[in-house]
Amino acid sequence: MTDRSCEQIRDMLVDYADGELSGPDAQGVTEHLAGCPQCRKTLDGLKRSLDLAKAIWLDNLQGSRSAPAAVRHLFIGRWTKRFALAAGILIIIGAVLTLRLLRWSSDQTPSYAQIERQVTHAAAAARLLAATQILAQCEGTESVVEQQYRHILAHYADTPVAAAIRNGKDLRFGEIHND
């Protein structure tokens, strides 16, 4: 498949993973995925990220009697700040990646696919951190939050988010623990 076709398909992958694409669009994505291992890999990573965020959320709701009240409290007035901060982190990640790319010599110019993989990987780490920090606001979730920090450090070690966690920086979501 051509890069342009892959680019168009990748723009639809989130809706495809959520089952929200119309019949013809869903069929087009399915056909493309059958012949494009890179787009399948991107979809698999997206599904894993969505499944992990869902599992964290469900685990938190099942593990805490006060979670429903905590969830209501989080989403009344404060959710806008949380998403704005997550967007800010993504912008910073994009800027860091751009600066890294500008420093490379012309013979080491990365392909579009390499850049997209780096951005997708860093964005997944930022989304997971945002979900983890929202969970940290609920009572009784300390062990789950700790596990998620360790997961980010283990699976997203090369991202700016993991570097910030290792350095103990306050990302304005809550306290970061370094054990």
Protein backbone atom coordinates (compact mmCIF):
# COMPACT_ATOMS: atom_id res chain seq x y z
CA MET A 1 0.00 0.00 0.00
CA THR A 2 1.14 3.58 -0.54
CA ASP A 3 2.03 5.94 2.30
CA ARG A 4 -0.90 8.17 1.37
CA SER A 5 -3.31 5.27 1.67
CA CYS A 6 -1.73 4.29 5.01
CA GLU A 7 -2.00 7.88 6.19
CA GLN A 8 -5.70 7.97 5.36
CA ILE A 9 -6.26 4.63 7.09
CA ARG A 10 -4.37 5.68 10.23
CA ASP A 11 -6.64 8.72 10.52
CA MET A 12 -9.59 6.30 10.80
CA LEU A 13 -8.04 3.67 13.10
CA VAL A 14 -9.38 5.10 16.38
CA ASP A 15 -12.95 5.10 15.06
CA TYR A 16 -12.35 1.63 13.58
CA ALA A 17 -11.07 0.28 16.91
CA ASP A 18 -14.12 1.74 18.68
CA GLY A 19 -16.49 0.25 16.04
CA GLU A 20 -17.73 3.70 15.05
CA LEU A 21 -16.92 3.65 11.32
CA SER A 22 -19.69 3.39 8.74
CA GLY A 23 -19.96 0.17 6.74
CA PRO A 24 -18.04 1.27 3.61
CA ASP A 25 -15.28 2.98 5.62
CA ALA A 26 -14.96 0.00 7.97
CA GLN A 27 -14.76 -2.36 4.99
CA GLY A 28 -12.05 -0.20 3.40
CA VAL A 29 -10.00 -0.21 6.60
CA THR A 30 -10.46 -4.00 6.97
CA GLU A 31 -9.25 -4.56 3.40
CA HIS A 32 -6.26 -2.26 3.90
CA LEU A 33 -5.33 -3.98 7.17
CA ALA A 34 -5.35 -7.35 5.44
CA GLY A 35 -2.45 -6.22 3.25
CA CYS A 36 -0.58 -3.76 5.48
CA PRO A 37 1.38 -5.14 8.43
CA GLN A 38 2.43 -1.66 9.62
CA CYS A 39 -1.18 -0.46 9.93
CA ARG A 40 -2.11 -3.73 11.68
CA LYS A 41 0.71 -3.13 14.15
CA THR A 42 -0.50 0.43 14.75
CA LEU A 43 -4.06 -0.85 15.31
CA ASP A 44 -2.83 -3.54 17.70
CA GLY A 45 -0.92 -0.94 19.74
CA LEU A 46 -3.95 1.33 19.78
CA LYS A 47 -6.20 -1.52 20.94
CA ARG A 48 -3.72 -2.47 23.68
CA SER A 49 -3.62 1.14 24.91
CA LEU A 50 -7.40 1.41 24.90
CA ASP A 51 -7.77 -1.97 26.64
CA LEU A 52 -5.20 -1.01 29.28
CA ALA A 53 -6.91 2.31 30.01
CA LYS A 54 -10.27 0.51 30.23
CA ALA A 55 -8.83 -2.17 32.53
CA ILE A 56 -7.33 0.45 34.82
CA TRP A 57 -10.59 2.33 34.94
CA LEU A 58 -12.71 -0.77 35.60
CA ASP A 59 -10.27 -2.08 38.20
CA ASN A 60 -10.45 1.23 39.99
CA LEU A 61 -14.24 1.30 39.93
CA GLN A 62 -14.48 -2.26 41.26
CA GLY A 63 -11.81 -1.78 43.92
CA SER A 64 -13.20 1.31 45.61
CA ARG A 65 -16.65 1.91 47.04
CA SER A 66 -16.05 5.64 46.86
CA ALA A 67 -15.07 5.55 43.17
CA PRO A 68 -18.44 6.63 41.73
CA ALA A 69 -18.45 9.73 43.91
CA ALA A 70 -14.79 10.30 43.13
CA VAL A 71 -15.46 9.99 39.41
CA ARG A 72 -18.26 12.54 39.59
CA HIS A 73 -16.00 14.85 41.57
CA LEU A 74 -13.18 14.53 39.01
CA PHE A 75 -15.37 15.31 36.04
CA ILE A 76 -17.15 18.31 37.49
CA GLY A 77 -15.00 21.30 36.65
CA ARG A 78 -11.60 19.59 36.80
CA TRP A 79 -11.73 17.33 33.73
CA THR A 80 -11.11 20.29 31.44
CA LYS A 81 -7.86 21.09 33.25
CA ARG A 82 -6.75 17.47 33.10
CA PHE A 83 -7.31 17.16 29.37
CA ALA A 84 -5.69 20.53 28.74
CA LEU A 85 -2.65 19.38 30.68
CA ALA A 86 -2.55 16.09 28.77
CA ALA A 87 -2.71 18.06 25.52
CA GLY A 88 0.14 20.24 26.77
CA ILE A 89 2.23 17.15 27.49
CA LEU A 90 1.55 15.88 23.97
CA ILE A 91 2.63 19.25 22.54
CA ILE A 92 5.84 19.11 24.58
CA ILE A 93 6.47 15.56 23.39
CA GLY A 94 5.92 16.71 19.81
CA ALA A 95 8.34 19.60 20.29
CA VAL A 96 10.99 17.31 21.80
CA LEU A 97 10.61 14.87 18.93
CA THR A 98 10.83 17.73 16.42
CA LEU A 99 14.01 19.03 18.04
CA ARG A 100 15.52 15.56 17.98
CA LEU A 101 14.67 15.22 14.32
CA LEU A 102 16.22 18.59 13.50
CA ARG A 103 19.49 17.54 15.16
CA TRP A 104 19.87 14.45 13.02
CA SER A 105 22.12 14.78 9.99
CA SER A 106 20.59 14.56 6.53
CA ASP A 107 21.89 11.01 6.00
CA GLN A 108 20.00 9.90 9.13
CA THR A 109 16.69 11.44 8.14
CA PRO A 110 13.96 9.18 9.51
CA SER A 111 11.13 7.94 7.37
CA TYR A 112 7.58 9.09 7.88
CA ALA A 113 6.75 5.70 9.38
CA GLN A 114 9.59 5.99 11.94
CA ILE A 115 8.46 9.44 13.00
CA GLU A 116 4.87 8.30 13.28
CA ARG A 117 5.90 5.29 15.38
CA GLN A 118 7.85 7.55 17.76
CA VAL A 119 4.97 10.01 18.08
CA THR A 120 2.43 7.19 18.57
CA HIS A 121 4.65 5.56 21.19
CA ALA A 122 5.19 8.84 23.08
CA ALA A 123 1.49 9.72 22.86
CA ALA A 124 0.53 6.30 24.24
CA ALA A 125 2.82 6.91 27.21
CA ALA A 126 1.30 10.36 27.78
CA ARG A 127 -2.25 8.98 27.57
CA LEU A 128 -1.41 6.21 30.02
CA LEU A 129 0.16 8.73 32.40
CA ALA A 130 -2.93 10.95 32.16
CA ALA A 131 -5.22 7.99 32.93
CA THR A 132 -2.96 6.92 35.78
CA GLN A 133 -2.94 10.38 37.31
CA ILE A 134 -6.72 10.62 37.09
CA LEU A 135 -6.91 7.29 38.93
CA ALA A 136 -4.51 8.65 41.53
CA GLN A 137 -7.23 11.11 42.54
CA CYS A 138 -9.48 8.23 43.68
CA GLU A 139 -9.18 6.67 47.10
CA GLY A 140 -7.58 3.25 47.41
CA THR A 141 -5.81 3.24 44.03
CA GLU A 142 -2.23 3.72 45.21
CA SER A 143 -1.08 0.20 44.28
CA VAL A 144 -2.65 0.38 40.82
CA VAL A 145 -1.08 3.80 40.24
CA GLU A 146 2.34 2.46 41.33
CA GLN A 147 1.95 -0.47 38.92
CA GLN A 148 1.11 1.89 36.08
CA TYR A 149 4.17 4.07 36.74
CA ARG A 150 6.30 0.93 36.61
CA HIS A 151 4.56 -0.16 33.40
CA ILE A 152 5.30 3.20 31.77
CA LEU A 153 8.95 2.99 32.85
CA ALA A 154 9.26 -0.56 31.53
CA HIS A 155 7.39 -0.27 28.24
CA TYR A 156 7.85 3.39 27.35
CA ALA A 157 11.37 3.92 28.71
CA ASP A 158 12.53 5.98 25.73
CA THR A 159 9.74 8.58 25.97
CA PRO A 160 9.83 12.04 27.59
CA VAL A 161 7.06 10.92 29.98
CA ALA A 162 9.21 8.07 31.33
CA ALA A 163 12.18 10.43 31.63
CA ALA A 164 10.04 12.83 33.65
CA ILE A 165 8.91 10.00 35.93
CA ARG A 166 12.52 8.81 36.41
CA ASN A 167 13.57 12.36 37.29
CA GLY A 168 10.67 12.71 39.72
CA LYS A 169 9.31 15.79 37.99
CA ASP A 170 5.90 17.07 39.02
CA LEU A 171 3.71 16.77 35.93
CA ARG A 172 0.83 18.55 37.71
CA PHE A 173 -1.24 15.39 37.88
CA GLY A 174 -0.09 14.31 41.27
CA GLU A 175 2.91 13.01 43.08
CA ILE A 176 5.37 10.77 41.24
CA HIS A 177 6.95 8.01 43.31
CA ASN A 178 10.43 6.65 42.65
CA ASP A 179 11.05 3.43 44.57
